[in-house]
Protein backbone atom coordinates (compact mmCIF):
# COMPACT_ATOMS: atom_id res chain seq x y z
CA MET A 1 0.07 -0.20 0.11
CA ASN A 2 1.36 3.61 -1.17
CA TRP A 3 -0.18 5.60 1.52
CA GLN A 4 1.08 8.80 -0.18
CA ASP A 5 -1.69 8.31 -2.96
CA ARG A 6 -4.21 8.88 -0.15
CA ILE A 7 -2.58 10.65 2.70
CA VAL A 8 -1.99 14.50 2.04
CA SER A 9 -1.02 17.59 3.96
CA ASP A 10 -2.01 21.05 2.85
CA LYS A 11 -1.24 23.97 5.06
CA ASN A 12 -4.79 25.54 3.95
CA ILE A 13 -6.62 22.41 5.25
CA LEU A 14 -6.83 21.68 9.09
CA LEU A 15 -3.44 23.57 9.58
CA GLY A 16 -1.61 21.20 7.47
CA LYS A 17 -2.75 17.87 9.40
CA PRO A 18 -2.28 14.84 7.50
CA THR A 19 -5.71 14.24 6.06
CA ILE A 20 -7.42 11.68 3.71
CA LYS A 21 -7.07 12.92 0.03
CA GLY A 22 -10.54 14.69 -1.14
CA THR A 23 -11.57 15.00 2.60
CA ARG A 24 -11.39 17.01 5.48
CA ILE A 25 -10.98 13.99 7.46
CA SER A 26 -7.67 13.90 9.37
CA VAL A 27 -5.52 10.69 10.55
CA GLU A 28 -5.98 11.96 14.01
CA PHE A 29 -9.78 11.89 13.60
CA VAL A 30 -9.80 8.28 12.46
CA LEU A 31 -7.42 7.20 15.17
CA ASP A 32 -9.45 9.10 17.73
CA ARG A 33 -12.63 7.09 16.63
CA LEU A 34 -10.75 3.88 16.78
CA ALA A 35 -9.29 4.59 20.04
CA ASN A 36 -12.66 5.25 21.33
CA GLY A 37 -14.16 1.92 20.09
CA TRP A 38 -15.23 2.41 16.82
CA THR A 39 -14.76 -0.27 14.27
CA GLU A 40 -13.71 0.03 10.68
CA HIS A 41 -17.46 -0.93 9.65
CA MET A 42 -18.67 2.04 11.64
CA LEU A 43 -16.29 4.46 10.12
CA LEU A 44 -17.25 3.23 6.70
CA GLU A 45 -20.84 3.52 7.33
CA SER A 46 -21.05 6.80 8.98
CA TYR A 47 -18.47 8.42 6.62
CA PRO A 48 -19.45 6.83 3.23
CA HIS A 49 -17.20 8.74 1.13
CA LEU A 50 -14.01 7.02 2.99
CA SER A 51 -13.07 3.49 1.66
CA LYS A 52 -11.61 0.48 3.25
CA GLU A 53 -8.27 1.56 1.30
CA ASP A 54 -8.39 5.03 2.96
CA LEU A 55 -8.26 3.23 6.01
CA GLN A 56 -5.56 1.05 5.27
CA ALA A 57 -3.65 3.89 3.95
CA VAL A 58 -4.01 5.57 7.56
CA PHE A 59 -2.51 2.38 8.94
CA ALA A 60 0.41 2.17 6.40
CA TYR A 61 1.04 5.86 7.11
CA LEU A 62 1.34 5.20 10.69
CA ASN A 63 3.34 2.27 10.48
CA ASP A 64 5.98 4.10 8.38
CA CYS A 65 5.76 6.89 11.23
CA VAL A 66 6.64 4.35 13.76
CA LYS A 67 9.63 2.76 11.98
CA ASP A 68 10.89 6.43 11.42
CA GLY A 69 10.59 7.38 15.10
CA LEU A 70 8.33 10.28 14.09
CA LEU A 71 6.02 9.23 17.10
CA VAL A 72 6.40 9.94 20.64
CA GLU A 73 8.35 7.58 22.79
CA ILE A 74 6.65 5.78 25.32
CA ARG A 75 8.35 5.86 28.76
CA SER A 76 7.46 3.80 31.69
């Protein structure tokens, strides 16, 4: 999955937060919903302009962020 085809950042949309291309739905928004118990099915049903491939791109983007160390380190 090439997430760059579906995840974009534009300083004029949501202050440059990564969003799903063609929408104002941010990666952060999708993660917040999932962290609060939403399922992929619930997201796709509630936002019919989203596709399963869009959600896969969110996961691929996050995977690359983790690999590149772009996320905050968790300390115990």
